[in-house]
N, C-alpha and C. Protein backbone atom coordinates (compact mmCIF):
# COMPACT_ATOMS: atom_id res chain seq x y z
N UNK A 1 111.20 131.52 53.21
CA UNK A 1 112.25 131.11 54.12
C UNK A 1 111.58 130.51 55.35
N UNK A 2 112.06 129.34 55.71
CA UNK A 2 111.55 128.66 56.90
C UNK A 2 112.73 128.30 57.78
N UNK A 3 112.96 129.03 58.85
CA UNK A 3 114.06 128.66 59.74
C UNK A 3 113.67 127.48 60.62
N UNK A 4 114.53 126.48 60.62
CA UNK A 4 114.30 125.35 61.52
C UNK A 4 115.60 124.59 61.68
N UNK A 5 115.73 123.95 62.80
CA UNK A 5 116.90 123.12 63.07
C UNK A 5 116.50 121.66 62.90
N UNK A 6 117.18 120.99 61.99
CA UNK A 6 116.93 119.56 61.77
C UNK A 6 118.27 118.87 61.95
N UNK A 7 118.38 118.10 63.01
CA UNK A 7 119.64 117.44 63.32
C UNK A 7 119.58 115.92 63.14
N UNK A 8 118.42 115.43 62.73
CA UNK A 8 118.25 114.00 62.49
C UNK A 8 118.09 113.80 60.99
N UNK A 9 119.02 113.05 60.42
CA UNK A 9 119.04 112.89 58.96
C UNK A 9 117.73 112.31 58.43
N UNK A 10 117.17 111.35 59.11
CA UNK A 10 115.92 110.74 58.66
C UNK A 10 114.82 111.79 58.54
N UNK A 11 114.77 112.72 59.49
CA UNK A 11 113.76 113.78 59.42
C UNK A 11 114.03 114.70 58.24
N UNK A 12 115.29 115.03 58.00
CA UNK A 12 115.61 115.88 56.87
C UNK A 12 115.20 115.22 55.56
N UNK A 13 115.47 113.93 55.43
CA UNK A 13 115.10 113.20 54.21
C UNK A 13 113.58 113.23 54.02
N UNK A 14 112.84 113.05 55.10
CA UNK A 14 111.38 113.06 55.02
C UNK A 14 110.86 114.45 54.61
N UNK A 15 111.40 115.47 55.23
CA UNK A 15 110.99 116.85 54.92
C UNK A 15 111.33 117.19 53.48
N UNK A 16 112.56 116.96 53.07
CA UNK A 16 112.98 117.34 51.73
C UNK A 16 112.25 116.53 50.66
N UNK A 17 112.00 115.25 50.92
CA UNK A 17 111.25 114.43 49.96
C UNK A 17 109.82 114.93 49.82
N UNK A 18 109.21 115.30 50.93
CA UNK A 18 107.84 115.83 50.88
C UNK A 18 107.76 117.12 50.10
N UNK A 19 108.70 118.00 50.31
CA UNK A 19 108.72 119.26 49.56
C UNK A 19 108.96 118.99 48.08
N UNK A 20 109.85 118.06 47.78
CA UNK A 20 110.14 117.70 46.40
C UNK A 20 108.91 117.12 45.71
N UNK A 21 108.16 116.27 46.40
CA UNK A 21 106.94 115.68 45.82
C UNK A 21 105.93 116.74 45.41
N UNK A 22 105.97 117.87 46.07
CA UNK A 22 105.06 118.96 45.75
C UNK A 22 105.73 120.03 44.89
N UNK A 23 106.89 119.70 44.35
CA UNK A 23 107.65 120.59 43.46
C UNK A 23 107.97 121.93 44.13
N UNK A 24 108.23 121.88 45.42
CA UNK A 24 108.61 123.09 46.16
C UNK A 24 110.13 123.15 46.18
N UNK A 25 110.69 124.16 45.55
CA UNK A 25 112.16 124.25 45.52
C UNK A 25 112.73 124.57 46.91
N UNK A 26 113.88 124.00 47.21
CA UNK A 26 114.51 124.17 48.51
C UNK A 26 115.95 124.60 48.33
N UNK A 27 116.33 125.64 49.04
CA UNK A 27 117.73 126.01 49.22
C UNK A 27 118.00 125.82 50.69
N UNK A 28 118.82 124.86 51.02
CA UNK A 28 119.06 124.48 52.41
C UNK A 28 120.36 125.12 52.88
N UNK A 29 120.27 126.04 53.82
CA UNK A 29 121.44 126.71 54.38
C UNK A 29 121.63 126.28 55.83
N UNK A 30 122.87 126.10 56.21
CA UNK A 30 123.20 125.84 57.61
C UNK A 30 124.07 126.99 58.10
N UNK A 31 123.65 127.62 59.18
CA UNK A 31 124.45 128.66 59.81
C UNK A 31 125.37 127.95 60.80
N UNK A 32 126.65 127.93 60.48
CA UNK A 32 127.61 127.17 61.27
C UNK A 32 128.50 128.09 62.10
N UNK A 33 128.87 127.60 63.26
CA UNK A 33 129.94 128.19 64.07
C UNK A 33 130.57 127.05 64.85
N UNK A 34 131.84 127.19 65.16
CA UNK A 34 132.51 126.12 65.91
C UNK A 34 131.96 126.08 67.34
N UNK A 35 132.22 124.97 68.02
CA UNK A 35 131.66 124.75 69.36
C UNK A 35 132.06 125.84 70.36
N UNK A 36 133.31 126.29 70.33
CA UNK A 36 133.72 127.34 71.26
C UNK A 36 132.94 128.63 71.02
N UNK A 37 132.76 128.98 69.76
CA UNK A 37 132.00 130.18 69.42
C UNK A 37 130.55 130.04 69.87
N UNK A 38 129.95 128.88 69.61
CA UNK A 38 128.56 128.67 70.03
C UNK A 38 128.42 128.78 71.54
N UNK A 39 129.34 128.15 72.28
CA UNK A 39 129.28 128.23 73.74
C UNK A 39 129.43 129.68 74.21
N UNK A 40 130.32 130.42 73.58
CA UNK A 40 130.50 131.83 73.93
C UNK A 40 129.27 132.67 73.65
N UNK A 41 128.62 132.40 72.53
CA UNK A 41 127.39 133.13 72.20
C UNK A 41 126.28 132.81 73.19
N UNK A 42 126.17 131.56 73.57
CA UNK A 42 125.15 131.18 74.54
C UNK A 42 125.45 131.84 75.89
N UNK A 43 126.71 131.80 76.29
CA UNK A 43 127.11 132.39 77.57
C UNK A 43 126.88 133.90 77.61
N UNK A 44 127.01 134.55 76.47
CA UNK A 44 126.86 136.00 76.42
C UNK A 44 125.47 136.48 76.06
N UNK A 45 124.52 135.58 75.92
CA UNK A 45 123.17 135.95 75.53
C UNK A 45 122.47 136.67 76.68
N UNK A 46 122.09 137.92 76.45
CA UNK A 46 121.45 138.71 77.50
C UNK A 46 119.94 138.51 77.54
N UNK A 47 119.38 137.83 76.54
CA UNK A 47 117.93 137.60 76.51
C UNK A 47 117.58 136.29 77.20
N UNK A 48 118.18 135.18 76.73
CA UNK A 48 117.88 133.88 77.34
C UNK A 48 118.82 133.54 78.48
N UNK A 49 119.87 134.29 78.61
CA UNK A 49 120.82 134.05 79.69
C UNK A 49 121.85 132.99 79.34
N UNK A 50 122.89 132.91 80.16
CA UNK A 50 124.01 132.03 79.85
C UNK A 50 123.74 130.55 80.11
N UNK A 51 122.71 130.25 80.85
CA UNK A 51 122.44 128.85 81.20
C UNK A 51 121.21 128.35 80.46
N UNK A 52 121.33 128.29 79.14
CA UNK A 52 120.20 127.83 78.33
C UNK A 52 120.32 126.34 78.12
N UNK A 53 119.67 125.54 78.96
CA UNK A 53 119.81 124.09 78.82
C UNK A 53 119.35 123.60 77.46
N UNK A 54 118.34 124.25 76.89
CA UNK A 54 117.84 123.84 75.58
C UNK A 54 118.95 123.93 74.53
N UNK A 55 119.60 125.08 74.46
CA UNK A 55 120.63 125.26 73.44
C UNK A 55 121.88 124.45 73.75
N UNK A 56 122.27 124.39 75.00
CA UNK A 56 123.46 123.62 75.37
C UNK A 56 123.28 122.14 75.06
N UNK A 57 122.07 121.65 75.22
CA UNK A 57 121.77 120.24 74.97
C UNK A 57 121.97 119.86 73.51
N UNK A 58 121.86 120.83 72.60
CA UNK A 58 121.96 120.53 71.17
C UNK A 58 123.33 120.79 70.56
N UNK A 59 124.29 121.20 71.36
CA UNK A 59 125.63 121.45 70.81
C UNK A 59 126.26 120.19 70.24
N UNK A 60 126.28 119.11 71.00
CA UNK A 60 126.90 117.88 70.50
C UNK A 60 126.10 117.24 69.38
N UNK A 61 124.76 117.16 69.47
CA UNK A 61 124.02 116.63 68.32
C UNK A 61 124.27 117.43 67.04
N UNK A 62 124.39 118.76 67.17
CA UNK A 62 124.71 119.56 65.98
C UNK A 62 126.08 119.18 65.45
N UNK A 63 127.08 119.09 66.32
CA UNK A 63 128.44 118.75 65.88
C UNK A 63 128.45 117.39 65.19
N UNK A 64 127.73 116.43 65.72
CA UNK A 64 127.65 115.10 65.12
C UNK A 64 126.98 115.15 63.75
N UNK A 65 125.87 115.85 63.64
CA UNK A 65 125.18 115.98 62.35
C UNK A 65 126.06 116.69 61.34
N UNK A 66 126.76 117.74 61.77
CA UNK A 66 127.64 118.47 60.87
C UNK A 66 128.74 117.57 60.33
N UNK A 67 129.30 116.74 61.20
CA UNK A 67 130.39 115.83 60.79
C UNK A 67 129.91 114.73 59.86
N UNK A 68 128.70 114.26 60.06
CA UNK A 68 128.29 113.03 59.38
C UNK A 68 127.40 113.22 58.16
N UNK A 69 126.56 114.27 58.11
CA UNK A 69 125.68 114.39 56.94
C UNK A 69 125.22 115.82 56.66
N UNK A 70 124.99 116.61 57.68
CA UNK A 70 124.32 117.90 57.52
C UNK A 70 125.06 118.85 56.58
N UNK A 71 126.35 118.97 56.74
CA UNK A 71 127.10 119.91 55.89
C UNK A 71 127.16 119.44 54.44
N UNK A 72 127.02 118.14 54.21
CA UNK A 72 126.99 117.63 52.84
C UNK A 72 125.67 117.92 52.15
N UNK A 73 124.63 118.15 52.93
CA UNK A 73 123.28 118.36 52.39
C UNK A 73 122.92 119.83 52.22
N UNK A 74 123.80 120.73 52.64
CA UNK A 74 123.40 122.14 52.70
C UNK A 74 124.48 123.06 52.16
N UNK A 75 124.10 124.30 52.01
CA UNK A 75 125.04 125.37 51.74
C UNK A 75 125.41 125.92 53.12
N UNK A 76 126.64 125.75 53.51
CA UNK A 76 127.08 126.12 54.85
C UNK A 76 127.58 127.56 54.85
N UNK A 77 127.05 128.35 55.77
CA UNK A 77 127.51 129.72 55.99
C UNK A 77 128.21 129.73 57.34
N UNK A 78 129.52 129.86 57.31
CA UNK A 78 130.29 129.88 58.56
C UNK A 78 130.12 131.25 59.20
N UNK A 79 129.46 131.27 60.34
CA UNK A 79 129.16 132.54 61.02
C UNK A 79 130.15 132.84 62.15
N UNK A 80 131.21 132.04 62.23
CA UNK A 80 132.15 132.18 63.34
C UNK A 80 132.68 133.60 63.47
N UNK A 81 132.99 134.22 62.35
CA UNK A 81 133.64 135.54 62.40
C UNK A 81 132.83 136.62 61.67
N UNK A 82 131.53 136.40 61.53
CA UNK A 82 130.70 137.42 60.88
C UNK A 82 129.49 137.73 61.75
N UNK A 83 128.89 138.87 61.48
CA UNK A 83 127.71 139.29 62.24
C UNK A 83 126.45 138.63 61.67
N UNK A 84 125.37 138.64 62.42
CA UNK A 84 124.10 138.12 61.87
C UNK A 84 123.71 138.84 60.58
N UNK A 85 123.91 140.14 60.51
CA UNK A 85 123.57 140.88 59.29
C UNK A 85 124.41 140.41 58.11
N UNK A 86 125.69 140.14 58.35
CA UNK A 86 126.55 139.64 57.27
C UNK A 86 126.12 138.25 56.81
N UNK A 87 125.72 137.41 57.75
CA UNK A 87 125.23 136.07 57.39
C UNK A 87 123.97 136.19 56.55
N UNK A 88 123.05 137.05 56.95
CA UNK A 88 121.81 137.25 56.20
C UNK A 88 122.11 137.76 54.79
N UNK A 89 123.06 138.66 54.68
CA UNK A 89 123.42 139.20 53.37
C UNK A 89 124.00 138.12 52.48
N UNK A 90 124.82 137.26 53.03
CA UNK A 90 125.40 136.16 52.24
C UNK A 90 124.31 135.23 51.71
N UNK A 91 123.35 134.95 52.54
CA UNK A 91 122.25 134.08 52.09
C UNK A 91 121.41 134.79 51.04
N UNK A 92 121.09 136.04 51.25
CA UNK A 92 120.31 136.81 50.28
C UNK A 92 121.02 136.87 48.94
N UNK A 93 122.32 137.08 48.96
CA UNK A 93 123.09 137.14 47.72
C UNK A 93 123.12 135.78 47.02
N UNK A 94 123.23 134.72 47.80
CA UNK A 94 123.23 133.37 47.21
C UNK A 94 121.90 133.05 46.55
N UNK A 95 120.81 133.47 47.19
CA UNK A 95 119.49 133.19 46.66
C UNK A 95 119.23 134.03 45.40
N UNK A 96 119.70 135.26 45.39
CA UNK A 96 119.52 136.14 44.22
C UNK A 96 120.32 135.62 43.03
N UNK A 97 121.56 135.17 43.33
CA UNK A 97 122.50 134.84 42.26
C UNK A 97 122.19 133.57 41.61
């Protein structure tokens, strides 16, 4: 498992093609939440604090990627109403099954 955020389609194509050339199997999961939920999670973060310019800067690029290509390329796990543990379990079950 390699967690990473790829919001540029060209980069995703390059990464996935490179892995494919080396016969490395890929299961691409996107952990999704709507914009209001994401903003709320950022605002309530007690570790990085509510004013995380890094994360706030990527909200719209994520929304654009999700609308245009990202969700078509991945198995989307909607985390809007589930806990991190539930999201992890869903992915583990998908990989096992």
